[in-house]
C-alpha atoms as a PDB file:
ATOM      1  CA  MET A   1      43.279   4.466  88.281  1.00  0.00           C
ATOM      2  CA  ILE A   2      39.530   4.535  88.179  1.00  0.00           C
ATOM      3  CA  GLY A   3      38.067   6.220  85.103  1.00  0.00           C
ATOM      4  CA  ALA A   4      34.669   7.851  84.528  1.00  0.00           C
ATOM      5  CA  TYR A   5      33.083   4.508  83.195  1.00  0.00           C
ATOM      6  CA  GLU A   6      34.011   2.485  86.192  1.00  0.00           C
ATOM      7  CA  ILE A   7      32.838   5.189  88.605  1.00  0.00           C
ATOM      8  CA  THR A   8      29.367   5.316  86.605  1.00  0.00           C
ATOM      9  CA  LEU A   9      29.048   1.596  87.181  1.00  0.00           C
ATOM     10  CA  VAL A  10      29.851   1.581  90.694  1.00  0.00           C
ATOM     11  CA  ALA A  11      27.428   4.382  91.297  1.00  0.00           C
ATOM     12  CA  VAL A  12      24.485   3.041  89.194  1.00  0.00           C
ATOM     13  CA  VAL A  13      25.010  -0.375  90.902  1.00  0.00           C
ATOM     14  CA  SER A  14      25.074   1.081  94.429  1.00  0.00           C
ATOM     15  CA  ILE A  15      21.808   3.034  93.657  1.00  0.00           C
ATOM     16  CA  ASN A  16      20.066  -0.070  92.417  1.00  0.00           C
ATOM     17  CA  LEU A  17      21.544  -1.999  95.391  1.00  0.00           C
ATOM     18  CA  MET A  18      20.188   0.642  98.005  1.00  0.00           C
ATOM     19  CA  LEU A  19      16.610   0.660  96.361  1.00  0.00           C
ATOM     20  CA  ALA A  20      16.600  -3.108  96.063  1.00  0.00           C
ATOM     21  CA  LEU A  21      17.490  -3.614  99.694  1.00  0.00           C
ATOM     22  CA  GLY A  22      14.964  -1.224 100.747  1.00  0.00           C
ATOM     23  CA  LEU A  23      12.253  -2.739  98.744  1.00  0.00           C
ATOM     24  CA  ASN A  24      13.162  -6.049  99.962  1.00  0.00           C
ATOM     25  CA  LEU A  25      12.457  -4.723 103.565  1.00  0.00           C
ATOM     26  CA  ILE A  26       9.018  -4.021 102.207  1.00  0.00           C
ATOM     27  CA  THR A  27       8.161  -6.698  99.996  1.00  0.00           C
ATOM     28  CA  GLY A  28      10.612  -9.700 101.209  1.00  0.00           C
ATOM     29  CA  PHE A  29      10.608  -9.296 104.839  1.00  0.00           C
ATOM     30  CA  CYS A  30       7.150  -7.992 105.434  1.00  0.00           C
ATOM     31  CA  GLY A  31       5.192  -9.318 102.374  1.00  0.00           C
ATOM     32  CA  GLN A  32       3.970  -5.954 101.094  1.00  0.00           C
ATOM     33  CA  VAL A  33       4.230  -5.682  97.352  1.00  0.00           C
ATOM     34  CA  SER A  34       5.085  -2.254  96.392  1.00  0.00           C
ATOM     35  CA  LEU A  35       4.904  -0.939  92.867  1.00  0.00           C
ATOM     36  CA  GLY A  36       5.701   2.706  93.591  1.00  0.00           C
ATOM     37  CA  HIS A  37       9.250   2.530  95.015  1.00  0.00           C
ATOM     38  CA  ALA A  38      10.625   4.969  92.479  1.00  0.00           C
ATOM     39  CA  ALA A  39       8.328   7.673  93.953  1.00  0.00           C
ATOM     40  CA  PHE A  40      10.473   7.297  97.422  1.00  0.00           C
ATOM     41  CA  PHE A  41      13.556   7.187  95.237  1.00  0.00           C
ATOM     42  CA  GLY A  42      12.285  10.536  93.428  1.00  0.00           C
ATOM     43  CA  THR A  43      11.440  12.121  96.674  1.00  0.00           C
ATOM     44  CA  GLY A  44      14.915  11.742  98.225  1.00  0.00           C
ATOM     45  CA  ALA A  45      16.456  12.934  95.153  1.00  0.00           C
ATOM     46  CA  TYR A  46      14.464  16.269  94.906  1.00  0.00           C
ATOM     47  CA  ALA A  47      14.842  16.725  98.632  1.00  0.00           C
ATOM     48  CA  ALA A  48      18.604  16.270  98.249  1.00  0.00           C
ATOM     49  CA  ALA A  49      18.765  18.793  95.203  1.00  0.00           C
ATOM     50  CA  LEU A  50      16.970  21.454  97.084  1.00  0.00           C
ATOM     51  CA  ALA A  51      19.077  21.073 100.308  1.00  0.00           C
ATOM     52  CA  ALA A  52      22.369  20.342  98.750  1.00  0.00           C
ATOM     53  CA  GLY A  53      23.568  23.932  98.603  1.00  0.00           C
ATOM     54  CA  GLY A  54      23.319  24.859 102.088  1.00  0.00           C
ATOM     55  CA  LEU A  55      23.849  21.765 104.017  1.00  0.00           C
ATOM     56  CA  PRO A  56      26.741  19.320 104.379  1.00  0.00           C
ATOM     57  CA  LEU A  57      26.677  15.827 102.534  1.00  0.00           C
ATOM     58  CA  PRO A  58      25.870  13.699 105.692  1.00  0.00           C
ATOM     59  CA  VAL A  59      23.068  15.968 106.651  1.00  0.00           C
ATOM     60  CA  VAL A  60      21.483  16.141 103.113  1.00  0.00           C
ATOM     61  CA  LEU A  61      21.554  12.053 102.944  1.00  0.00           C
ATOM     62  CA  VAL A  62      19.774  11.844 106.207  1.00  0.00           C
ATOM     63  CA  LEU A  63      17.405  14.831 105.381  1.00  0.00           C
ATOM     64  CA  ALA A  64      16.411  13.007 101.872  1.00  0.00           C
ATOM     65  CA  GLY A  65      16.034   9.891 103.807  1.00  0.00           C
ATOM     66  CA  LEU A  66      13.667  11.247 106.304  1.00  0.00           C
ATOM     67  CA  VAL A  67      11.592  13.111 103.611  1.00  0.00           C
ATOM     68  CA  ALA A  68      11.221   9.974 101.866  1.00  0.00           C
ATOM     69  CA  CYS A  69      10.205   7.968 105.023  1.00  0.00           C
ATOM     70  CA  ALA A  70       7.614  10.586 105.861  1.00  0.00           C
ATOM     71  CA  LEU A  71       5.960   9.993 102.427  1.00  0.00           C
ATOM     72  CA  GLY A  72       6.436   6.184 103.152  1.00  0.00           C
ATOM     73  CA  LEU A  73       4.576   6.524 106.536  1.00  0.00           C
ATOM     74  CA  LEU A  74       1.675   8.361 104.823  1.00  0.00           C
ATOM     75  CA  VAL A  75       1.534   5.498 102.091  1.00  0.00           C
ATOM     76  CA  GLY A  76       1.919   3.013 104.857  1.00  0.00           C
ATOM     77  CA  VAL A  77      -1.056   4.457 107.147  1.00  0.00           C
ATOM     78  CA  ALA A  78      -3.372   4.908 103.959  1.00  0.00           C
ATOM     79  CA  SER A  79      -2.443   1.154 103.042  1.00  0.00           C
ATOM     80  CA  LEU A  80      -2.947  -0.562 106.211  1.00  0.00           C
ATOM     81  CA  ARG A  81      -6.419  -1.691 105.344  1.00  0.00           C
ATOM     82  CA  VAL A  82      -5.497  -2.878 101.807  1.00  0.00           C
ATOM     83  CA  ARG A  83      -3.286  -6.015 101.049  1.00  0.00           C
ATOM     84  CA  GLU A  84      -1.937  -8.031  98.151  1.00  0.00           C
ATOM     85  CA  ASP A  85      -3.361  -6.869  94.852  1.00  0.00           C
ATOM     86  CA  PHE A  86      -5.076  -3.790  96.143  1.00  0.00           C
ATOM     87  CA  LEU A  87      -1.912  -2.974  97.959  1.00  0.00           C
ATOM     88  CA  ALA A  88       0.020  -3.082  94.713  1.00  0.00           C
ATOM     89  CA  ILE A  89      -2.382  -0.958  92.965  1.00  0.00           C
ATOM     90  CA  THR A  90      -2.423   1.600  95.699  1.00  0.00           C
ATOM     91  CA  THR A  91       1.520   1.902  95.797  1.00  0.00           C
ATOM     92  CA  MET A  92       1.504   2.086  91.907  1.00  0.00           C
ATOM     93  CA  GLY A  93      -1.038   5.008  92.046  1.00  0.00           C
ATOM     94  CA  VAL A  94       1.395   6.748  94.457  1.00  0.00           C
ATOM     95  CA  GLY A  95       3.967   6.653  91.562  1.00  0.00           C
ATOM     96  CA  PHE A  96       1.791   8.127  89.303  1.00  0.00           C
ATOM     97  CA  VAL A  97       0.688  11.000  91.790  1.00  0.00           C
ATOM     98  CA  PHE A  98       4.432  11.689  92.437  1.00  0.00           C
ATOM     99  CA  LEU A  99       4.905  12.220  88.701  1.00  0.00           C
ATOM    100  CA  GLY A 100       1.941  14.162  88.188  1.00  0.00           C
ATOM    101  CA  PHE A 101       2.969  16.451  91.163  1.00  0.00           C
ATOM    102  CA  VAL A 102       6.698  17.294  90.441  1.00  0.00           C
ATOM    103  CA  ARG A 103       5.725  17.899  86.522  1.00  0.00           C
ATOM    104  CA  LYS A 104       3.389  20.590  87.377  1.00  0.00           C
ATOM    105  CA  GLN A 105       5.739  22.374  90.205  1.00  0.00           C
ATOM    106  CA  GLY A 106       7.559  25.342  88.958  1.00  0.00           C
ATOM    107  CA  TRP A 107       9.865  25.447  91.949  1.00  0.00           C
ATOM    108  CA  LEU A 108      10.769  21.708  91.287  1.00  0.00           C
ATOM    109  CA  GLY A 109      11.676  22.460  87.694  1.00  0.00           C
ATOM    110  CA  ALA A 110       8.507  20.942  86.163  1.00  0.00           C
ATOM    111  CA  GLU A 111       9.219  18.821  83.222  1.00  0.00           C
ATOM    112  CA  MET A 112      12.663  20.185  82.828  1.00  0.00           C
ATOM    113  CA  GLY A 113      13.816  19.142  86.488  1.00  0.00           C
ATOM    114  CA  LEU A 114      16.353  20.636  88.712  1.00  0.00           C
ATOM    115  CA  THR A 115      19.979  21.330  87.247  1.00  0.00           C
ATOM    116  CA  ASP A 116      23.351  22.495  88.615  1.00  0.00           C
ATOM    117  CA  ILE A 117      23.026  20.377  91.792  1.00  0.00           C
ATOM    118  CA  PRO A 118      26.159  21.311  93.841  1.00  0.00           C
ATOM    119  CA  ASP A 119      29.104  18.673  93.730  1.00  0.00           C
ATOM    120  CA  HIS A 120      29.401  16.331  96.563  1.00  0.00           C
ATOM    121  CA  GLY A 121      33.169  17.492  96.941  1.00  0.00           C
ATOM    122  CA  LEU A 122      34.557  13.947  97.725  1.00  0.00           C
ATOM    123  CA  GLY A 123      36.391  13.516  94.553  1.00  0.00           C
ATOM    124  CA  ASP A 124      36.019  10.347  92.480  1.00  0.00           C
ATOM    125  CA  ILE A 125      37.601   8.007  94.936  1.00  0.00           C
ATOM    126  CA  GLY A 126      35.691   9.367  97.686  1.00  0.00           C
ATOM    127  CA  PHE A 127      32.337   9.243  96.227  1.00  0.00           C
ATOM    128  CA  VAL A 128      32.866   5.439  95.244  1.00  0.00           C
ATOM    129  CA  GLY A 129      34.089   4.875  98.815  1.00  0.00           C
ATOM    130  CA  LEU A 130      30.697   6.577 100.061  1.00  0.00           C
ATOM    131  CA  CYS A 131      28.553   4.417  97.529  1.00  0.00           C
ATOM    132  CA  LEU A 132      30.152   1.202  98.916  1.00  0.00           C
ATOM    133  CA  ALA A 133      29.967   2.260 102.473  1.00  0.00           C
ATOM    134  CA  LEU A 134      26.120   3.066 102.180  1.00  0.00           C
ATOM    135  CA  VAL A 135      25.710  -0.282 100.434  1.00  0.00           C
ATOM    136  CA  ALA A 136      27.449  -2.152 103.098  1.00  0.00           C
ATOM    137  CA  ALA A 137      25.705  -0.348 105.879  1.00  0.00           C
ATOM    138  CA  MET A 138      22.395  -0.992 104.503  1.00  0.00           C
ATOM    139  CA  ALA A 139      23.209  -4.793 103.945  1.00  0.00           C
ATOM    140  CA  ALA A 140      24.206  -5.097 107.552  1.00  0.00           C
ATOM    141  CA  LEU A 141      21.113  -3.253 108.685  1.00  0.00           C
ATOM    142  CA  SER A 142      18.970  -5.680 106.621  1.00  0.00           C
ATOM    143  CA  TRP A 143      20.923  -8.834 107.916  1.00  0.00           C
ATOM    144  CA  HIS A 144      20.439  -7.347 111.625  1.00  0.00           C
ATOM    145  CA  ILE A 145      16.660  -6.858 111.192  1.00  0.00           C
ATOM    146  CA  LYS A 146      16.145  -9.972 109.750  1.00  0.00           C
ATOM    147  CA  ARG A 147      17.792 -11.797 112.718  1.00  0.00           C
ATOM    148  CA  SER A 148      16.212  -9.573 115.204  1.00  0.00           C
ATOM    149  CA  TRP A 149      12.772  -9.705 116.905  1.00  0.00           C
ATOM    150  CA  MET A 150      11.493  -6.984 114.434  1.00  0.00           C
ATOM    151  CA  GLY A 151      12.463  -9.501 111.522  1.00  0.00           C
ATOM    152  CA  PHE A 152      10.431 -12.367 113.167  1.00  0.00           C
ATOM    153  CA  GLY A 153       7.506  -9.927 113.295  1.00  0.00           C
ATOM    154  CA  PHE A 154       7.902  -9.135 109.574  1.00  0.00           C
ATOM    155  CA  ALA A 155       8.066 -12.759 108.835  1.00  0.00           C
ATOM    156  CA  ALA A 156       4.777 -13.598 110.903  1.00  0.00           C
ATOM    157  CA  VAL A 157       2.933 -10.650 109.228  1.00  0.00           C
ATOM    158  CA  ALA A 158       4.262 -11.890 105.764  1.00  0.00           C
ATOM    159  CA  ASP A 159       3.144 -15.442 106.305  1.00  0.00           C
ATOM    160  CA  ASP A 160      -0.377 -14.927 107.832  1.00  0.00           C
ATOM    161  CA  GLU A 161      -1.432 -11.633 109.065  1.00  0.00           C
ATOM    162  CA  ARG A 162      -4.491 -12.852 110.881  1.00  0.00           C
ATOM    163  CA  THR A 163      -2.617 -15.377 112.535  1.00  0.00           C
ATOM    164  CA  ALA A 164       0.128 -13.161 113.620  1.00  0.00           C
ATOM    165  CA  ARG A 165      -2.630 -10.639 115.176  1.00  0.00           C
ATOM    166  CA  THR A 166      -4.063 -13.433 117.189  1.00  0.00           C
ATOM    167  CA  LEU A 167      -0.773 -14.185 118.494  1.00  0.00           C
ATOM    168  CA  GLY A 168      -0.382 -10.683 119.742  1.00  0.00           C
ATOM    169  CA  ILE A 169       1.698  -9.005 117.090  1.00  0.00           C
ATOM    170  CA  ASN A 170       0.918  -5.568 116.308  1.00  0.00           C
ATOM    171  CA  ALA A 171       0.524  -6.205 112.520  1.00  0.00           C
ATOM    172  CA  ALA A 172      -0.016  -2.448 111.758  1.00  0.00           C
ATOM    173  CA  ALA A 173       3.163  -1.351 113.438  1.00  0.00           C
ATOM    174  CA  TYR A 174       5.255  -3.896 111.891  1.00  0.00           C
ATOM    175  CA  LYS A 175       3.960  -2.803 108.397  1.00  0.00           C
ATOM    176  CA  LEU A 176       4.385   0.662 109.144  1.00  0.00           C
ATOM    177  CA  ALA A 177       7.915   0.098 110.306  1.00  0.00           C
ATOM    178  CA  ALA A 178       8.680  -1.976 107.079  1.00  0.00           C
ATOM    179  CA  PHE A 179       7.660   1.268 105.040  1.00  0.00           C
ATOM    180  CA  VAL A 180       9.425   3.678 107.092  1.00  0.00           C
ATOM    181  CA  ILE A 181      12.796   1.870 107.018  1.00  0.00           C
ATOM    182  CA  GLY A 182      12.581   0.783 103.308  1.00  0.00           C
ATOM    183  CA  THR A 183      11.746   4.152 102.047  1.00  0.00           C
ATOM    184  CA  PHE A 184      14.305   5.847 104.070  1.00  0.00           C
ATOM    185  CA  LEU A 185      16.926   3.716 102.216  1.00  0.00           C
ATOM    186  CA  ALA A 186      15.298   4.867  98.962  1.00  0.00           C
ATOM    187  CA  GLY A 187      15.427   8.279  99.986  1.00  0.00           C
ATOM    188  CA  VAL A 188      19.283   8.007 100.515  1.00  0.00           C
ATOM    189  CA  ALA A 189      19.590   6.310  97.390  1.00  0.00           C
ATOM    190  CA  GLY A 190      17.813   9.338  95.838  1.00  0.00           C
ATOM    191  CA  ALA A 191      20.077  11.719  97.390  1.00  0.00           C
ATOM    192  CA  VAL A 192      23.128   9.623  96.029  1.00  0.00           C
ATOM    193  CA  TYR A 193      21.733   9.888  92.509  1.00  0.00           C
ATOM    194  CA  ALA A 194      21.076  13.432  92.656  1.00  0.00           C
ATOM    195  CA  TYR A 195      24.809  14.098  93.721  1.00  0.00           C
ATOM    196  CA  PHE A 196      25.875  11.729  91.031  1.00  0.00           C
ATOM    197  CA  THR A 197      24.196  12.871  87.912  1.00  0.00           C
ATOM    198  CA  ARG A 198      23.794  16.570  89.317  1.00  0.00           C
ATOM    199  CA  PHE A 199      20.525  17.102  87.636  1.00  0.00           C
ATOM    200  CA  ILE A 200      17.161  15.339  87.889  1.00  0.00           C
ATOM    201  CA  ILE A 201      14.195  15.079  85.991  1.00  0.00           C
ATOM    202  CA  PRO A 202      10.894  13.426  86.414  1.00  0.00           C
ATOM    203  CA  SER A 203      11.034  10.578  83.864  1.00  0.00           C
ATOM    204  CA  ALA A 204      14.190   9.305  85.934  1.00  0.00           C
ATOM    205  CA  PHE A 205      11.600   8.165  88.659  1.00  0.00           C
ATOM    206  CA  GLY A 206       8.913   6.536  86.339  1.00  0.00           C
ATOM    207  CA  PHE A 207       7.042   3.360  86.805  1.00  0.00           C
ATOM    208  CA  THR A 208       9.731   1.455  84.849  1.00  0.00           C
ATOM    209  CA  VAL A 209      12.248   2.172  87.613  1.00  0.00           C
ATOM    210  CA  SER A 210       9.950   0.482  90.229  1.00  0.00           C
ATOM    211  CA  ILE A 211       9.421  -2.678  88.075  1.00  0.00           C
ATOM    212  CA  SER A 212      13.085  -2.954  87.469  1.00  0.00           C
ATOM    213  CA  ILE A 213      13.840  -2.896  91.129  1.00  0.00           C
ATOM    214  CA  LEU A 214      10.967  -5.435  91.746  1.00  0.00           C
ATOM    215  CA  THR A 215      12.267  -7.568  89.322  1.00  0.00           C
ATOM    216  CA  MET A 216      15.666  -7.667  91.101  1.00  0.00           C
ATOM    217  CA  VAL A 217      14.108  -8.542  94.345  1.00  0.00           C
ATOM    218  CA  ILE A 218      12.027 -11.399  92.707  1.00  0.00           C
ATOM    219  CA  VAL A 219      14.803 -12.882  90.701  1.00  0.00           C
ATOM    220  CA  GLY A 220      17.204 -12.739  93.497  1.00  0.00           C
ATOM    221  CA  GLY A 221      14.584 -14.395  95.883  1.00  0.00           C
ATOM    222  CA  VAL A 222      12.112 -12.551  97.978  1.00  0.00           C
ATOM    223  CA  GLY A 223      13.355 -11.895 101.466  1.00  0.00           C
ATOM    224  CA  SER A 224      17.019 -13.117 100.652  1.00  0.00           C
ATOM    225  CA  ILE A 225      19.607 -10.240 101.153  1.00  0.00           C
ATOM    226  CA  TRP A 226      22.523 -11.963  99.238  1.00  0.00           C
ATOM    227  CA  GLY A 227      19.955 -13.205  96.450  1.00  0.00           C
ATOM    228  CA  VAL A 228      19.047  -9.714  96.068  1.00  0.00           C
ATOM    229  CA  VAL A 229      22.141  -8.346  95.910  1.00  0.00           C
ATOM    230  CA  ALA A 230      23.675 -10.744  93.423  1.00  0.00           C
ATOM    231  CA  ALA A 231      20.395 -10.303  91.121  1.00  0.00           C
ATOM    232  CA  CYS A 232      20.867  -6.377  91.220  1.00  0.00           C
ATOM    233  CA  VAL A 233      24.565  -6.647  90.443  1.00  0.00           C
ATOM    234  CA  VAL A 234      24.058  -9.043  87.338  1.00  0.00           C
ATOM    235  CA  LEU A 235      20.770  -7.299  86.152  1.00  0.00           C
ATOM    236  CA  THR A 236      22.428  -3.867  86.378  1.00  0.00           C
ATOM    237  CA  LEU A 237      25.681  -4.916  84.569  1.00  0.00           C
ATOM    238  CA  LEU A 238      24.339  -7.063  81.915  1.00  0.00           C
ATOM    239  CA  PRO A 239      22.685  -4.564  79.717  1.00  0.00           C
ATOM    240  CA  GLU A 240      26.278  -2.797  79.659  1.00  0.00           C
ATOM    241  CA  PHE A 241      27.726  -5.813  77.885  1.00  0.00           C
ATOM    242  CA  SER A 242      25.092  -6.031  75.122  1.00  0.00           C
ATOM    243  CA  ARG A 243      23.245  -3.447  73.086  1.00  0.00           C
ATOM    244  CA  VAL A 244      20.496  -5.814  72.184  1.00  0.00           C
ATOM    245  CA  ILE A 245      19.823  -6.283  75.967  1.00  0.00           C
ATOM    246  CA  ASN A 246      19.751  -2.724  76.781  1.00  0.00           C
ATOM    247  CA  ASP A 247      17.278  -2.030  73.867  1.00  0.00           C
ATOM    248  CA  TYR A 248      14.893  -4.865  75.229  1.00  0.00           C
ATOM    249  CA  LYS A 249      15.499  -4.492  78.883  1.00  0.00           C
ATOM    250  CA  LEU A 250      12.093  -4.038  79.974  1.00  0.00           C
ATOM    251  CA  LEU A 251      11.104  -7.172  77.871  1.00  0.00           C
ATOM    252  CA  LEU A 252      13.928  -9.091  79.648  1.00  0.00           C
ATOM    253  CA  TYR A 253      12.737  -7.863  82.975  1.00  0.00           C
ATOM    254  CA  GLY A 254       9.210  -9.001  82.212  1.00  0.00           C
ATOM    255  CA  ALA A 255      10.311 -12.558  81.115  1.00  0.00           C
ATOM    256  CA  LEU A 256      12.365 -12.890  84.127  1.00  0.00           C
ATOM    257  CA  ILE A 257       9.528 -12.328  86.516  1.00  0.00           C
ATOM    258  CA  VAL A 258       7.125 -14.683  84.724  1.00  0.00           C
ATOM    259  CA  LEU A 259       9.940 -17.383  84.465  1.00  0.00           C
ATOM    260  CA  THR A 260      10.884 -16.902  88.239  1.00  0.00           C
ATOM    261  CA  MET A 261       7.375 -17.062  89.435  1.00  0.00           C
ATOM    262  CA  ARG A 262       6.627 -19.911  87.253  1.00  0.00           C
ATOM    263  CA  PHE A 263       9.605 -22.216  87.546  1.00  0.00           C
ATOM    264  CA  ALA A 264      11.657 -20.817  90.721  1.00  0.00           C
ATOM    265  CA  PRO A 265       9.301 -19.004  93.225  1.00  0.00           C
ATOM    266  CA  GLY A 266      12.193 -18.659  95.518  1.00  0.00           C
ATOM    267  CA  GLY A 267      14.374 -16.920  93.060  1.00  0.00           C
ATOM    268  CA  LEU A 268      18.302 -17.352  92.907  1.00  0.00           C
ATOM    269  CA  ALA A 269      18.528 -17.794  96.512  1.00  0.00           C
ATOM    270  CA  GLY A 270      15.767 -20.683  96.509  1.00  0.00           C
ATOM    271  CA  LEU A 271      17.616 -22.532  93.638  1.00  0.00           C
ATOM    272  CA  VAL A 272      20.879 -22.476  95.588  1.00  0.00           C
ATOM    273  CA  ARG A 273      19.260 -23.704  98.834  1.00  0.00           C
ATOM    274  CA  SER A 274      17.481 -26.594  96.884  1.00  0.00           C
ATOM    275  CA  LEU A 275      20.773 -27.399  95.381  1.00  0.00           C
ATOM    276  CA  VAL A 276      22.630 -27.428  98.400  1.00  0.00           C
ATOM    277  CA  ALA A 277      19.823 -29.342 100.167  1.00  0.00           C
ATOM    278  CA  ARG A 278      19.947 -32.136  97.176  1.00  0.00           C
ATOM    279  CA  ARG A 279      23.684 -32.470  97.563  1.00  0.00           C
ATOM    280  CA  SER A 280      23.564 -32.848 101.319  1.00  0.00           C
ATOM    281  CA  THR A 281      21.009 -35.618 100.890  1.00  0.00           C
ATOM    282  CA  GLY A 282      22.974 -37.370  98.033  1.00  0.00           C
ATOM    283  CA  GLY A 283      20.710 -36.152  95.449  1.00  0.00           C
ATOM    284  CA  ALA A 284      17.601 -38.121  96.985  1.00  0.00           C
ATOM    285  CA  PRO A 285      14.205 -36.384  96.249  1.00  0.00           C
END
């Protein structure tokens, strides 16, 4: 029988997977560095907390995703003229604006947040099934997008936006699409988080959450679906097995970003590809 601890692990891993898959669409597929993903996560959580009492669970999940992607669309439009470092700073600012806003709104609970969020009504097994089904659906969506014309457009924009435009690719439309889809997934993750914890506070959606999710994407391999999934599972579960790791988690994440960018820019997926290629050529350089 599944206990409370196992359910917590499944929920936390699943929520992080949803966030990482969403960010991978934005950063990995389309090359837009976002440091404010926690803001869209929080938007979905607050939307779900407010709507959970009067709407069915499936409707709340979709609604949370739509509210988050509406914010993502606004951020995407505002970010069309900025790239690389400036885009990262812009999205980081969005995260701080979100926190500043919710902390001053009494109807959102201000610093105390929202409590007594209605139960999802699925029971323990049902909730675990929901988490796994959502992760599977998001991974399948990512796989489909990567191999579709949209994925090719994302890759062209990520590689060289100016060249993509000369080839007739509407770079602005693809960038907005990446933000909308990626933030929708983050909003759904926020709704799952709200139903799971049944209370939300602003500090749960701080800058450190954005950095943690970005670390999972970078370590897994930017643009790789299976690499991001593997890194997300490992980095989420690792602190559970060591108090020392949990206490120095942010230090570990920072070190992993530096080491990955320095010695393995392709992340875990890149390392595996290079090992496979080396074995297929008999170890020849």
